[in-house]
Amino acid sequence: MQLEPFLVTQIFTFMVIFTRVGSGIMIMPGIGENYVSPRFRLTFALMVSLAMTPALVGYMPPVPDSPLALTALFASEIIIGLFVGFMARFMVAVMHTLGMVISYQSSLASATMFDTTQAGQGST
C-alpha cells in the first residue's frame, strides 16, 4: 500500500474543509468579533477542521489536476464559508433589531447598556 495517495487525499480534504470553516469563522458572530484574538479564531478553525476531516474524506471531490481548477475550488469554498458566516451574523443582527423594537414598544428601552456584539447601545 502506498502512503502518498492517502496523505495527499487527507491533506487535500483538510485544506478544503479548513478553507470553508476558516472563512466562515472569520465573520461568524461571537467568534468573529474584534475582541476575539485572531490566534484563537485560527486555532478554533484548525481544530474543527481536523475533527471533521476523517468523517468527510469520502465526500470530497477528487484532487484537481490543474492549478486553475484548484484555485476555483478554493475560491468557491471561501465564498460558501463567507456566505454561511454572513448569514449567521445577519440573523443575530435581525434578532438584535427585533429585540430593540420590542423593548421600545413595551417601554423597556430606558435601561440600556453597551452591546459589544453590535458596538452600540442595547436594552438590557
PDB file of N, CA and C in Angstrom:
ATOM      1  N   MET A   1       0.856  -1.189   0.000  1.00  0.00           N
ATOM      2  CA  MET A   1       0.000   0.000   0.000  1.00  0.00           C
ATOM      3  C   MET A   1       0.889   1.235   0.000  1.00  0.00           C
ATOM      4  N   GLN A   2       0.579   2.140  -0.875  1.00  0.00           N
ATOM      5  CA  GLN A   2       1.346   3.376  -0.972  1.00  0.00           C
ATOM      6  C   GLN A   2       0.786   4.401   0.007  1.00  0.00           C
ATOM      7  N   LEU A   3       1.681   5.126   0.634  1.00  0.00           N
ATOM      8  CA  LEU A   3       1.285   6.130   1.618  1.00  0.00           C
ATOM      9  C   LEU A   3       0.989   7.479   0.982  1.00  0.00           C
ATOM     10  N   GLU A   4       1.605   7.752  -0.167  1.00  0.00           N
ATOM     11  CA  GLU A   4       1.472   9.075  -0.785  1.00  0.00           C
ATOM     12  C   GLU A   4       0.035   9.420  -1.199  1.00  0.00           C
ATOM     13  N   PRO A   5      -0.708   8.548  -1.890  1.00  0.00           N
ATOM     14  CA  PRO A   5      -2.087   8.924  -2.243  1.00  0.00           C
ATOM     15  C   PRO A   5      -2.975   9.148  -1.022  1.00  0.00           C
ATOM     16  N   PHE A   6      -2.743   8.360   0.022  1.00  0.00           N
ATOM     17  CA  PHE A   6      -3.521   8.529   1.255  1.00  0.00           C
ATOM     18  C   PHE A   6      -3.247   9.894   1.876  1.00  0.00           C
ATOM     19  N   LEU A   7      -1.972  10.278   1.950  1.00  0.00           N
ATOM     20  CA  LEU A   7      -1.617  11.568   2.538  1.00  0.00           C
ATOM     21  C   LEU A   7      -2.113  12.737   1.695  1.00  0.00           C
ATOM     22  N   VAL A   8      -2.019  12.623   0.381  1.00  0.00           N
ATOM     23  CA  VAL A   8      -2.494  13.692  -0.495  1.00  0.00           C
ATOM     24  C   VAL A   8      -3.996  13.871  -0.327  1.00  0.00           C
ATOM     25  N   THR A   9      -4.733  12.778  -0.258  1.00  0.00           N
ATOM     26  CA  THR A   9      -6.182  12.859  -0.077  1.00  0.00           C
ATOM     27  C   THR A   9      -6.531  13.470   1.272  1.00  0.00           C
ATOM     28  N   GLN A  10      -5.836  13.062   2.322  1.00  0.00           N
ATOM     29  CA  GLN A  10      -6.111  13.607   3.653  1.00  0.00           C
ATOM     30  C   GLN A  10      -5.778  15.098   3.734  1.00  0.00           C
ATOM     31  N   ILE A  11      -4.633  15.494   3.190  1.00  0.00           N
ATOM     32  CA  ILE A  11      -4.243  16.908   3.239  1.00  0.00           C
ATOM     33  C   ILE A  11      -5.177  17.749   2.387  1.00  0.00           C
ATOM     34  N   PHE A  12      -5.553  17.249   1.207  1.00  0.00           N
ATOM     35  CA  PHE A  12      -6.490  17.969   0.354  1.00  0.00           C
ATOM     36  C   PHE A  12      -7.837  18.140   1.051  1.00  0.00           C
ATOM     37  N   THR A  13      -8.333  17.068   1.666  1.00  0.00           N
ATOM     38  CA  THR A  13      -9.603  17.150   2.390  1.00  0.00           C
ATOM     39  C   THR A  13      -9.509  18.153   3.527  1.00  0.00           C
ATOM     40  N   PHE A  14      -8.423  18.112   4.288  1.00  0.00           N
ATOM     41  CA  PHE A  14      -8.246  19.058   5.387  1.00  0.00           C
ATOM     42  C   PHE A  14      -8.219  20.497   4.888  1.00  0.00           C
ATOM     43  N   MET A  15      -7.522  20.746   3.807  1.00  0.00           N
ATOM     44  CA  MET A  15      -7.417  22.117   3.289  1.00  0.00           C
ATOM     45  C   MET A  15      -8.761  22.635   2.766  1.00  0.00           C
ATOM     46  N   VAL A  16      -9.536  21.787   2.109  1.00  0.00           N
ATOM     47  CA  VAL A  16     -10.847  22.205   1.617  1.00  0.00           C
ATOM     48  C   VAL A  16     -11.772  22.521   2.796  1.00  0.00           C
ATOM     49  N   ILE A  17     -11.772  21.657   3.802  1.00  0.00           N
ATOM     50  CA  ILE A  17     -12.611  21.886   4.979  1.00  0.00           C
ATOM     51  C   ILE A  17     -12.138  23.124   5.730  1.00  0.00           C
ATOM     52  N   PHE A  18     -10.834  23.281   5.902  1.00  0.00           N
ATOM     53  CA  PHE A  18     -10.302  24.438   6.617  1.00  0.00           C
ATOM     54  C   PHE A  18     -10.609  25.737   5.881  1.00  0.00           C
ATOM     55  N   THR A  19     -10.599  25.715   4.559  1.00  0.00           N
ATOM     56  CA  THR A  19     -10.912  26.919   3.795  1.00  0.00           C
ATOM     57  C   THR A  19     -12.345  27.371   4.058  1.00  0.00           C
ATOM     58  N   ARG A  20     -13.283  26.443   4.032  1.00  0.00           N
ATOM     59  CA  ARG A  20     -14.678  26.813   4.266  1.00  0.00           C
ATOM     60  C   ARG A  20     -14.921  27.193   5.727  1.00  0.00           C
ATOM     61  N   VAL A  21     -14.442  26.374   6.648  1.00  0.00           N
ATOM     62  CA  VAL A  21     -14.667  26.634   8.074  1.00  0.00           C
ATOM     63  C   VAL A  21     -13.957  27.911   8.512  1.00  0.00           C
ATOM     64  N   GLY A  22     -12.730  28.101   8.065  1.00  0.00           N
ATOM     65  CA  GLY A  22     -11.967  29.277   8.458  1.00  0.00           C
ATOM     66  C   GLY A  22     -12.578  30.562   7.958  1.00  0.00           C
ATOM     67  N   SER A  23     -13.057  30.575   6.724  1.00  0.00           N
ATOM     68  CA  SER A  23     -13.680  31.797   6.214  1.00  0.00           C
ATOM     69  C   SER A  23     -15.025  32.061   6.879  1.00  0.00           C
ATOM     70  N   GLY A  24     -15.731  31.014   7.265  1.00  0.00           N
ATOM     71  CA  GLY A  24     -16.991  31.212   7.982  1.00  0.00           C
ATOM     72  C   GLY A  24     -16.772  31.710   9.398  1.00  0.00           C
ATOM     73  N   ILE A  25     -15.777  31.173  10.080  1.00  0.00           N
ATOM     74  CA  ILE A  25     -15.479  31.581  11.458  1.00  0.00           C
ATOM     75  C   ILE A  25     -14.951  33.010  11.495  1.00  0.00           C
ATOM     76  N   MET A  26     -14.324  33.438  10.412  1.00  0.00           N
ATOM     77  CA  MET A  26     -13.756  34.780  10.368  1.00  0.00           C
ATOM     78  C   MET A  26     -14.816  35.858  10.597  1.00  0.00           C
ATOM     79  N   ILE A  27     -16.032  35.658  10.115  1.00  0.00           N
ATOM     80  CA  ILE A  27     -17.069  36.679  10.287  1.00  0.00           C
ATOM     81  C   ILE A  27     -18.270  36.202  11.088  1.00  0.00           C
ATOM     82  N   MET A  28     -18.225  35.002  11.610  1.00  0.00           N
ATOM     83  CA  MET A  28     -19.339  34.479  12.390  1.00  0.00           C
ATOM     84  C   MET A  28     -19.507  35.263  13.700  1.00  0.00           C
ATOM     85  N   PRO A  29     -20.734  35.496  14.136  1.00  0.00           N
ATOM     86  CA  PRO A  29     -20.924  36.251  15.380  1.00  0.00           C
ATOM     87  C   PRO A  29     -20.396  35.473  16.583  1.00  0.00           C
ATOM     88  N   GLY A  30     -19.901  36.201  17.546  1.00  0.00           N
ATOM     89  CA  GLY A  30     -19.345  35.598  18.748  1.00  0.00           C
ATOM     90  C   GLY A  30     -17.872  35.288  18.590  1.00  0.00           C
ATOM     91  N   ILE A  31     -17.514  34.458  17.646  1.00  0.00           N
ATOM     92  CA  ILE A  31     -16.125  34.086  17.438  1.00  0.00           C
ATOM     93  C   ILE A  31     -15.427  35.096  16.532  1.00  0.00           C
ATOM     94  N   GLY A  32     -16.135  35.679  15.602  1.00  0.00           N
ATOM     95  CA  GLY A  32     -15.537  36.601  14.645  1.00  0.00           C
ATOM     96  C   GLY A  32     -15.533  38.053  15.079  1.00  0.00           C
ATOM     97  N   GLU A  33     -15.758  38.316  16.343  1.00  0.00           N
ATOM     98  CA  GLU A  33     -15.783  39.708  16.812  1.00  0.00           C
ATOM     99  C   GLU A  33     -14.367  40.259  16.930  1.00  0.00           C
ATOM    100  N   ASN A  34     -14.263  41.586  17.019  1.00  0.00           N
ATOM    101  CA  ASN A  34     -12.960  42.248  17.079  1.00  0.00           C
ATOM    102  C   ASN A  34     -12.198  41.928  18.360  1.00  0.00           C
ATOM    103  N   TYR A  35     -12.909  41.690  19.445  1.00  0.00           N
ATOM    104  CA  TYR A  35     -12.238  41.448  20.719  1.00  0.00           C
ATOM    105  C   TYR A  35     -11.745  40.014  20.874  1.00  0.00           C
ATOM    106  N   VAL A  36     -12.063  39.141  19.942  1.00  0.00           N
ATOM    107  CA  VAL A  36     -11.563  37.766  19.973  1.00  0.00           C
ATOM    108  C   VAL A  36     -10.242  37.735  19.205  1.00  0.00           C
ATOM    109  N   SER A  37      -9.241  37.142  19.814  1.00  0.00           N
ATOM    110  CA  SER A  37      -7.915  37.093  19.222  1.00  0.00           C
ATOM    111  C   SER A  37      -7.921  36.318  17.903  1.00  0.00           C
ATOM    112  N   PRO A  38      -7.246  36.846  16.872  1.00  0.00           N
ATOM    113  CA  PRO A  38      -7.152  36.092  15.614  1.00  0.00           C
ATOM    114  C   PRO A  38      -6.464  34.737  15.800  1.00  0.00           C
ATOM    115  N   ARG A  39      -5.555  34.649  16.749  1.00  0.00           N
ATOM    116  CA  ARG A  39      -4.888  33.379  17.022  1.00  0.00           C
ATOM    117  C   ARG A  39      -5.892  32.345  17.535  1.00  0.00           C
ATOM    118  N   PHE A  40      -6.829  32.781  18.377  1.00  0.00           N
ATOM    119  CA  PHE A  40      -7.859  31.863  18.876  1.00  0.00           C
ATOM    120  C   PHE A  40      -8.772  31.418  17.738  1.00  0.00           C
ATOM    121  N   ARG A  41      -9.167  32.368  16.870  1.00  0.00           N
ATOM    122  CA  ARG A  41     -10.023  32.000  15.733  1.00  0.00           C
ATOM    123  C   ARG A  41      -9.332  30.993  14.824  1.00  0.00           C
ATOM    124  N   LEU A  42      -8.044  31.216  14.558  1.00  0.00           N
ATOM    125  CA  LEU A  42      -7.295  30.305  13.708  1.00  0.00           C
ATOM    126  C   LEU A  42      -7.178  28.930  14.349  1.00  0.00           C
ATOM    127  N   THR A  43      -6.875  28.895  15.637  1.00  0.00           N
ATOM    128  CA  THR A  43      -6.759  27.622  16.344  1.00  0.00           C
ATOM    129  C   THR A  43      -8.098  26.893  16.369  1.00  0.00           C
ATOM    130  N   PHE A  44      -9.175  27.631  16.600  1.00  0.00           N
ATOM    131  CA  PHE A  44     -10.502  27.025  16.617  1.00  0.00           C
ATOM    132  C   PHE A  44     -10.856  26.447  15.247  1.00  0.00           C
ATOM    133  N   ALA A  45     -10.570  27.191  14.182  1.00  0.00           N
ATOM    134  CA  ALA A  45     -10.849  26.700  12.830  1.00  0.00           C
ATOM    135  C   ALA A  45     -10.005  25.475  12.504  1.00  0.00           C
ATOM    136  N   LEU A  46      -8.741  25.468  12.934  1.00  0.00           N
ATOM    137  CA  LEU A  46      -7.891  24.307  12.695  1.00  0.00           C
ATOM    138  C   LEU A  46      -8.401  23.070  13.428  1.00  0.00           C
ATOM    139  N   MET A  47      -8.828  23.254  14.688  1.00  0.00           N
ATOM    140  CA  MET A  47      -9.317  22.105  15.460  1.00  0.00           C
ATOM    141  C   MET A  47     -10.633  21.566  14.893  1.00  0.00           C
ATOM    142  N   VAL A  48     -11.532  22.451  14.503  1.00  0.00           N
ATOM    143  CA  VAL A  48     -12.799  21.998  13.918  1.00  0.00           C
ATOM    144  C   VAL A  48     -12.536  21.269  12.603  1.00  0.00           C
ATOM    145  N   SER A  49     -11.655  21.817  11.790  1.00  0.00           N
ATOM    146  CA  SER A  49     -11.331  21.171  10.513  1.00  0.00           C
ATOM    147  C   SER A  49     -10.666  19.823  10.714  1.00  0.00           C
ATOM    148  N   LEU A  50      -9.777  19.757  11.683  1.00  0.00           N
ATOM    149  CA  LEU A  50      -9.103  18.497  11.970  1.00  0.00           C
ATOM    150  C   LEU A  50     -10.087  17.440  12.470  1.00  0.00           C
ATOM    151  N   ALA A  51     -11.070  17.859  13.254  1.00  0.00           N
ATOM    152  CA  ALA A  51     -12.070  16.914  13.753  1.00  0.00           C
ATOM    153  C   ALA A  51     -13.018  16.446  12.655  1.00  0.00           C
ATOM    154  N   MET A  52     -13.277  17.300  11.666  1.00  0.00           N
ATOM    155  CA  MET A  52     -14.214  16.949  10.601  1.00  0.00           C
ATOM    156  C   MET A  52     -13.577  16.163   9.458  1.00  0.00           C
ATOM    157  N   THR A  53     -12.262  16.218   9.326  1.00  0.00           N
ATOM    158  CA  THR A  53     -11.589  15.594   8.184  1.00  0.00           C
ATOM    159  C   THR A  53     -11.837  14.088   8.062  1.00  0.00           C
ATOM    160  N   PRO A  54     -11.690  13.283   9.111  1.00  0.00           N
ATOM    161  CA  PRO A  54     -11.917  11.840   8.919  1.00  0.00           C
ATOM    162  C   PRO A  54     -13.348  11.500   8.517  1.00  0.00           C
ATOM    163  N   ALA A  55     -14.301  12.285   8.977  1.00  0.00           N
ATOM    164  CA  ALA A  55     -15.701  11.981   8.665  1.00  0.00           C
ATOM    165  C   ALA A  55     -16.079  12.378   7.239  1.00  0.00           C
ATOM    166  N   LEU A  56     -15.409  13.388   6.677  1.00  0.00           N
ATOM    167  CA  LEU A  56     -15.806  13.909   5.372  1.00  0.00           C
ATOM    168  C   LEU A  56     -14.886  13.514   4.235  1.00  0.00           C
ATOM    169  N   VAL A  57     -13.888  12.682   4.487  1.00  0.00           N
ATOM    170  CA  VAL A  57     -12.922  12.343   3.444  1.00  0.00           C
ATOM    171  C   VAL A  57     -13.584  11.609   2.277  1.00  0.00           C
ATOM    172  N   GLY A  58     -14.618  10.871   2.523  1.00  0.00           N
ATOM    173  CA  GLY A  58     -15.297  10.138   1.456  1.00  0.00           C
ATOM    174  C   GLY A  58     -16.219  10.989   0.604  1.00  0.00           C
ATOM    175  N   TYR A  59     -16.568  12.178   1.059  1.00  0.00           N
ATOM    176  CA  TYR A  59     -17.497  13.041   0.352  1.00  0.00           C
ATOM    177  C   TYR A  59     -16.803  14.130  -0.466  1.00  0.00           C
ATOM    178  N   MET A  60     -15.494  14.183  -0.423  1.00  0.00           N
ATOM    179  CA  MET A  60     -14.748  15.241  -1.114  1.00  0.00           C
ATOM    180  C   MET A  60     -14.597  14.918  -2.596  1.00  0.00           C
ATOM    181  N   PRO A  61     -14.520  15.964  -3.417  1.00  0.00           N
ATOM    182  CA  PRO A  61     -14.255  15.718  -4.852  1.00  0.00           C
ATOM    183  C   PRO A  61     -12.818  15.240  -5.034  1.00  0.00           C
ATOM    184  N   PRO A  62     -12.515  14.665  -6.184  1.00  0.00           N
ATOM    185  CA  PRO A  62     -11.130  14.237  -6.410  1.00  0.00           C
ATOM    186  C   PRO A  62     -10.191  15.444  -6.496  1.00  0.00           C
ATOM    187  N   VAL A  63      -8.922  15.199  -6.250  1.00  0.00           N
ATOM    188  CA  VAL A  63      -7.930  16.275  -6.296  1.00  0.00           C
ATOM    189  C   VAL A  63      -7.830  16.787  -7.731  1.00  0.00           C
ATOM    190  N   PRO A  64      -8.010  18.104  -7.945  1.00  0.00           N
ATOM    191  CA  PRO A  64      -7.944  18.639  -9.319  1.00  0.00           C
ATOM    192  C   PRO A  64      -6.551  18.480  -9.921  1.00  0.00           C
ATOM    193  N   ASP A  65      -6.528  18.367 -11.244  1.00  0.00           N
ATOM    194  CA  ASP A  65      -5.266  18.179 -11.949  1.00  0.00           C
ATOM    195  C   ASP A  65      -4.552  19.499 -12.221  1.00  0.00           C
ATOM    196  N   SER A  66      -5.307  20.552 -12.455  1.00  0.00           N
ATOM    197  CA  SER A  66      -4.685  21.825 -12.824  1.00  0.00           C
ATOM    198  C   SER A  66      -4.745  22.822 -11.667  1.00  0.00           C
ATOM    199  N   PRO A  67      -3.790  23.727 -11.613  1.00  0.00           N
ATOM    200  CA  PRO A  67      -3.815  24.757 -10.567  1.00  0.00           C
ATOM    201  C   PRO A  67      -5.022  25.687 -10.678  1.00  0.00           C
ATOM    202  N   LEU A  68      -5.504  25.907 -11.883  1.00  0.00           N
ATOM    203  CA  LEU A  68      -6.669  26.771 -12.072  1.00  0.00           C
ATOM    204  C   LEU A  68      -7.922  26.141 -11.463  1.00  0.00           C
ATOM    205  N   ALA A  69      -8.079  24.833 -11.645  1.00  0.00           N
ATOM    206  CA  ALA A  69      -9.225  24.136 -11.051  1.00  0.00           C
ATOM    207  C   ALA A  69      -9.127  24.124  -9.532  1.00  0.00           C
ATOM    208  N   LEU A  70      -7.907  23.982  -9.012  1.00  0.00           N
ATOM    209  CA  LEU A  70      -7.701  24.009  -7.560  1.00  0.00           C
ATOM    210  C   LEU A  70      -8.024  25.395  -6.994  1.00  0.00           C
ATOM    211  N   THR A  71      -7.604  26.435  -7.698  1.00  0.00           N
ATOM    212  CA  THR A  71      -7.900  27.802  -7.276  1.00  0.00           C
ATOM    213  C   THR A  71      -9.398  28.067  -7.315  1.00  0.00           C
ATOM    214  N   ALA A  72     -10.069  27.593  -8.341  1.00  0.00           N
ATOM    215  CA  ALA A  72     -11.524  27.779  -8.441  1.00  0.00           C
ATOM    216  C   ALA A  72     -12.244  27.030  -7.317  1.00  0.00           C
ATOM    217  N   LEU A  73     -11.765  25.839  -6.972  1.00  0.00           N
ATOM    218  CA  LEU A  73     -12.374  25.075  -5.880  1.00  0.00           C
ATOM    219  C   LEU A  73     -12.217  25.805  -4.552  1.00  0.00           C
ATOM    220  N   PHE A  74     -10.990  26.302  -4.278  1.00  0.00           N
ATOM    221  CA  PHE A  74     -10.764  27.017  -3.027  1.00  0.00           C
ATOM    222  C   PHE A  74     -11.532  28.338  -2.996  1.00  0.00           C
ATOM    223  N   ALA A  75     -11.650  29.020  -4.124  1.00  0.00           N
ATOM    224  CA  ALA A  75     -12.425  30.271  -4.174  1.00  0.00           C
ATOM    225  C   ALA A  75     -13.898  30.003  -3.894  1.00  0.00           C
ATOM    226  N   SER A  76     -14.422  28.920  -4.437  1.00  0.00           N
ATOM    227  CA  SER A  76     -15.828  28.598  -4.171  1.00  0.00           C
ATOM    228  C   SER A  76     -16.034  28.228  -2.705  1.00  0.00           C
ATOM    229  N   GLU A  77     -15.079  27.528  -2.103  1.00  0.00           N
ATOM    230  CA  GLU A  77     -15.185  27.183  -0.689  1.00  0.00           C
ATOM    231  C   GLU A  77     -15.123  28.437   0.189  1.00  0.00           C
ATOM    232  N   ILE A  78     -14.285  29.393  -0.173  1.00  0.00           N
ATOM    233  CA  ILE A  78     -14.212  30.648   0.582  1.00  0.00           C
ATOM    234  C   ILE A  78     -15.530  31.404   0.478  1.00  0.00           C
ATOM    235  N   ILE A  79     -16.098  31.462  -0.712  1.00  0.00           N
ATOM    236  CA  ILE A  79     -17.368  32.177  -0.900  1.00  0.00           C
ATOM    237  C   ILE A  79     -18.480  31.505  -0.103  1.00  0.00           C
ATOM    238  N   ILE A  80     -18.539  30.179  -0.114  1.00  0.00           N
ATOM    239  CA  ILE A  80     -19.574  29.468   0.651  1.00  0.00           C
ATOM    240  C   ILE A  80     -19.392  29.706   2.145  1.00  0.00           C
ATOM    241  N   GLY A  81     -18.159  29.643   2.629  1.00  0.00           N
ATOM    242  CA  GLY A  81     -17.901  29.891   4.047  1.00  0.00           C
ATOM    243  C   GLY A  81     -18.262  31.307   4.464  1.00  0.00           C
ATOM    244  N   LEU A  82     -17.915  32.291   3.626  1.00  0.00           N
ATOM    245  CA  LEU A  82     -18.284  33.675   3.925  1.00  0.00           C
ATOM    246  C   LEU A  82     -19.797  33.861   3.930  1.00  0.00           C
ATOM    247  N   PHE A  83     -20.480  33.181   3.018  1.00  0.00           N
ATOM    248  CA  PHE A  83     -21.935  33.275   2.973  1.00  0.00           C
ATOM    249  C   PHE A  83     -22.562  32.694   4.235  1.00  0.00           C
ATOM    250  N   VAL A  84     -22.078  31.553   4.691  1.00  0.00           N
ATOM    251  CA  VAL A  84     -22.622  30.937   5.910  1.00  0.00           C
ATOM    252  C   VAL A  84     -22.360  31.823   7.121  1.00  0.00           C
ATOM    253  N   GLY A  85     -21.141  32.359   7.243  1.00  0.00           N
ATOM    254  CA  GLY A  85     -20.822  33.255   8.351  1.00  0.00           C
ATOM    255  C   GLY A  85     -21.618  34.540   8.300  1.00  0.00           C
ATOM    256  N   PHE A  86     -21.790  35.084   7.084  1.00  0.00           N
ATOM    257  CA  PHE A  86     -22.575  36.308   6.945  1.00  0.00           C
ATOM    258  C   PHE A  86     -24.034  36.073   7.302  1.00  0.00           C
ATOM    259  N   MET A  87     -24.590  34.942   6.914  1.00  0.00           N
ATOM    260  CA  MET A  87     -25.992  34.662   7.238  1.00  0.00           C
ATOM    261  C   MET A  87     -26.180  34.486   8.741  1.00  0.00           C
ATOM    262  N   ALA A  88     -25.215  33.890   9.425  1.00  0.00           N
ATOM    263  CA  ALA A  88     -25.301  33.778  10.884  1.00  0.00           C
ATOM    264  C   ALA A  88     -25.233  35.170  11.517  1.00  0.00           C
ATOM    265  N   ARG A  89     -24.331  36.015  11.025  1.00  0.00           N
ATOM    266  CA  ARG A  89     -24.220  37.385  11.543  1.00  0.00           C
ATOM    267  C   ARG A  89     -25.491  38.176  11.238  1.00  0.00           C
ATOM    268  N   PHE A  90     -26.060  37.966  10.066  1.00  0.00           N
ATOM    269  CA  PHE A  90     -27.292  38.652   9.688  1.00  0.00           C
ATOM    270  C   PHE A  90     -28.444  38.250  10.607  1.00  0.00           C
ATOM    271  N   MET A  91     -28.543  36.966  10.935  1.00  0.00           N
ATOM    272  CA  MET A  91     -29.617  36.507  11.818  1.00  0.00           C
ATOM    273  C   MET A  91     -29.474  37.101  13.217  1.00  0.00           C
ATOM    274  N   VAL A  92     -28.250  37.202  13.727  1.00  0.00           N
ATOM    275  CA  VAL A  92     -28.033  37.804  15.045  1.00  0.00           C
ATOM    276  C   VAL A  92     -28.397  39.282  15.012  1.00  0.00           C
ATOM    277  N   ALA A  93     -28.040  39.983  13.925  1.00  0.00           N
ATOM    278  CA  ALA A  93     -28.373  41.398  13.801  1.00  0.00           C
ATOM    279  C   ALA A  93     -29.886  41.604  13.714  1.00  0.00           C
ATOM    280  N   VAL A  94     -30.576  40.723  13.018  1.00  0.00           N
ATOM    281  CA  VAL A  94     -32.039  40.815  12.922  1.00  0.00           C
ATOM    282  C   VAL A  94     -32.674  40.592  14.295  1.00  0.00           C
ATOM    283  N   MET A  95     -32.185  39.598  15.025  1.00  0.00           N
ATOM    284  CA  MET A  95     -32.724  39.353  16.372  1.00  0.00           C
ATOM    285  C   MET A  95     -32.457  40.528  17.306  1.00  0.00           C
ATOM    286  N   HIS A  96     -31.296  41.148  17.180  1.00  0.00           N
ATOM    287  CA  HIS A  96     -30.978  42.317  17.999  1.00  0.00           C
ATOM    288  C   HIS A  96     -31.907  43.478  17.662  1.00  0.00           C
ATOM    289  N   THR A  97     -32.130  43.706  16.388  1.00  0.00           N
ATOM    290  CA  THR A  97     -33.021  44.796  15.974  1.00  0.00           C
ATOM    291  C   THR A  97     -34.452  44.533  16.414  1.00  0.00           C
ATOM    292  N   LEU A  98     -34.913  43.321  16.264  1.00  0.00           N
ATOM    293  CA  LEU A  98     -36.272  42.996  16.702  1.00  0.00           C
ATOM    294  C   LEU A  98     -36.417  43.128  18.214  1.00  0.00           C
ATOM    295  N   GLY A  99     -35.396  42.733  18.945  1.00  0.00           N
ATOM    296  CA  GLY A  99     -35.436  42.892  20.398  1.00  0.00           C
ATOM    297  C   GLY A  99     -35.498  44.356  20.804  1.00  0.00           C
ATOM    298  N   MET A 100     -34.758  45.217  20.108  1.00  0.00           N
ATOM    299  CA  MET A 100     -34.806  46.648  20.405  1.00  0.00           C
ATOM    300  C   MET A 100     -36.169  47.236  20.065  1.00  0.00           C
ATOM    301  N   VAL A 101     -36.763  46.825  18.953  1.00  0.00           N
ATOM    302  CA  VAL A 101     -38.098  47.315  18.593  1.00  0.00           C
ATOM    303  C   VAL A 101     -39.112  46.892  19.633  1.00  0.00           C
ATOM    304  N   ILE A 102     -39.046  45.650  20.068  1.00  0.00           N
ATOM    305  CA  ILE A 102     -39.974  45.160  21.093  1.00  0.00           C
ATOM    306  C   ILE A 102     -39.766  45.907  22.400  1.00  0.00           C
ATOM    307  N   SER A 103     -38.507  46.164  22.772  1.00  0.00           N
ATOM    308  CA  SER A 103     -38.271  46.880  24.035  1.00  0.00           C
ATOM    309  C   SER A 103     -38.737  48.330  23.952  1.00  0.00           C
ATOM    310  N   TYR A 104     -38.612  48.965  22.799  1.00  0.00           N
ATOM    311  CA  TYR A 104     -39.139  50.331  22.649  1.00  0.00           C
ATOM    312  C   TYR A 104     -40.660  50.341  22.719  1.00  0.00           C
ATOM    313  N   GLN A 105     -41.299  49.378  22.104  1.00  0.00           N
ATOM    314  CA  GLN A 105     -42.757  49.329  22.083  1.00  0.00           C
ATOM    315  C   GLN A 105     -43.341  49.016  23.461  1.00  0.00           C
ATOM    316  N   SER A 106     -42.608  48.266  24.267  1.00  0.00           N
ATOM    317  CA  SER A 106     -43.120  47.906  25.587  1.00  0.00           C
ATOM    318  C   SER A 106     -42.548  48.798  26.688  1.00  0.00           C
ATOM    319  N   SER A 107     -41.907  49.887  26.310  1.00  0.00           N
ATOM    320  CA  SER A 107     -41.340  50.887  27.243  1.00  0.00           C
ATOM    321  C   SER A 107     -40.286  50.289  28.165  1.00  0.00           C
ATOM    322  N   LEU A 108     -39.509  49.332  27.675  1.00  0.00           N
ATOM    323  CA  LEU A 108     -38.437  48.739  28.469  1.00  0.00           C
ATOM    324  C   LEU A 108     -37.059  49.171  27.971  1.00  0.00           C
ATOM    325  N   ALA A 109     -37.014  50.126  27.048  1.00  0.00           N
ATOM    326  CA  ALA A 109     -35.747  50.517  26.456  1.00  0.00           C
ATOM    327  C   ALA A 109     -35.029  51.601  27.242  1.00  0.00           C
ATOM    328  N   SER A 110     -35.560  52.011  28.378  1.00  0.00           N
ATOM    329  CA  SER A 110     -34.886  53.060  29.142  1.00  0.00           C
ATOM    330  C   SER A 110     -33.641  52.522  29.839  1.00  0.00           C
ATOM    331  N   ALA A 111     -33.591  51.242  30.117  1.00  0.00           N
ATOM    332  CA  ALA A 111     -32.404  50.639  30.727  1.00  0.00           C
ATOM    333  C   ALA A 111     -31.535  50.072  29.614  1.00  0.00           C
ATOM    334  N   THR A 112     -30.503  50.835  29.255  1.00  0.00           N
ATOM    335  CA  THR A 112     -29.625  50.393  28.177  1.00  0.00           C
ATOM    336  C   THR A 112     -28.212  50.202  28.690  1.00  0.00           C
ATOM    337  N   MET A 113     -27.463  49.400  27.951  1.00  0.00           N
ATOM    338  CA  MET A 113     -26.055  49.191  28.255  1.00  0.00           C
ATOM    339  C   MET A 113     -25.332  48.966  26.938  1.00  0.00           C
ATOM    340  N   PHE A 114     -24.000  49.022  26.981  1.00  0.00           N
ATOM    341  CA  PHE A 114     -23.216  48.859  25.760  1.00  0.00           C
ATOM    342  C   PHE A 114     -23.234  47.403  25.323  1.00  0.00           C
ATOM    343  N   ASP A 115     -23.613  47.181  24.070  1.00  0.00           N
ATOM    344  CA  ASP A 115     -23.646  45.839  23.491  1.00  0.00           C
ATOM    345  C   ASP A 115     -22.396  45.646  22.637  1.00  0.00           C
ATOM    346  N   THR A 116     -21.505  44.766  23.078  1.00  0.00           N
ATOM    347  CA  THR A 116     -20.232  44.595  22.381  1.00  0.00           C
ATOM    348  C   THR A 116     -20.386  43.933  21.021  1.00  0.00           C
ATOM    349  N   THR A 117     -21.418  43.127  20.827  1.00  0.00           N
ATOM    350  CA  THR A 117     -21.573  42.456  19.552  1.00  0.00           C
ATOM    351  C   THR A 117     -22.075  43.399  18.471  1.00  0.00           C
ATOM    352  N   GLN A 118     -22.835  44.417  18.834  1.00  0.00           N
ATOM    353  CA  GLN A 118     -23.349  45.375  17.868  1.00  0.00           C
ATOM    354  C   GLN A 118     -22.598  46.702  17.888  1.00  0.00           C
ATOM    355  N   ALA A 119     -21.680  46.875  18.843  1.00  0.00           N
ATOM    356  CA  ALA A 119     -20.876  48.088  19.006  1.00  0.00           C
ATOM    357  C   ALA A 119     -21.772  49.314  19.176  1.00  0.00           C
ATOM    358  N   GLY A 120     -22.779  49.190  20.000  1.00  0.00           N
ATOM    359  CA  GLY A 120     -23.693  50.288  20.277  1.00  0.00           C
ATOM    360  C   GLY A 120     -24.524  49.997  21.506  1.00  0.00           C
ATOM    361  N   GLN A 121     -25.453  50.866  21.787  1.00  0.00           N
ATOM    362  CA  GLN A 121     -26.330  50.687  22.936  1.00  0.00           C
ATOM    363  C   GLN A 121     -27.403  49.643  22.641  1.00  0.00           C
ATOM    364  N   GLY A 122     -27.728  48.886  23.647  1.00  0.00           N
ATOM    365  CA  GLY A 122     -28.784  47.898  23.545  1.00  0.00           C
ATOM    366  C   GLY A 122     -29.522  47.807  24.849  1.00  0.00           C
ATOM    367  N   SER A 123     -30.799  47.462  24.787  1.00  0.00           N
ATOM    368  CA  SER A 123     -31.579  47.374  26.011  1.00  0.00           C
ATOM    369  C   SER A 123     -31.226  46.097  26.764  1.00  0.00           C
ATOM    370  N   THR A 124     -31.309  46.167  28.073  1.00  0.00           N
ATOM    371  CA  THR A 124     -30.952  45.022  28.885  1.00  0.00           C
ATOM    372  C   THR A 124     -32.090  44.030  28.896  1.00  0.00           C
TER     373      THR A 124
END
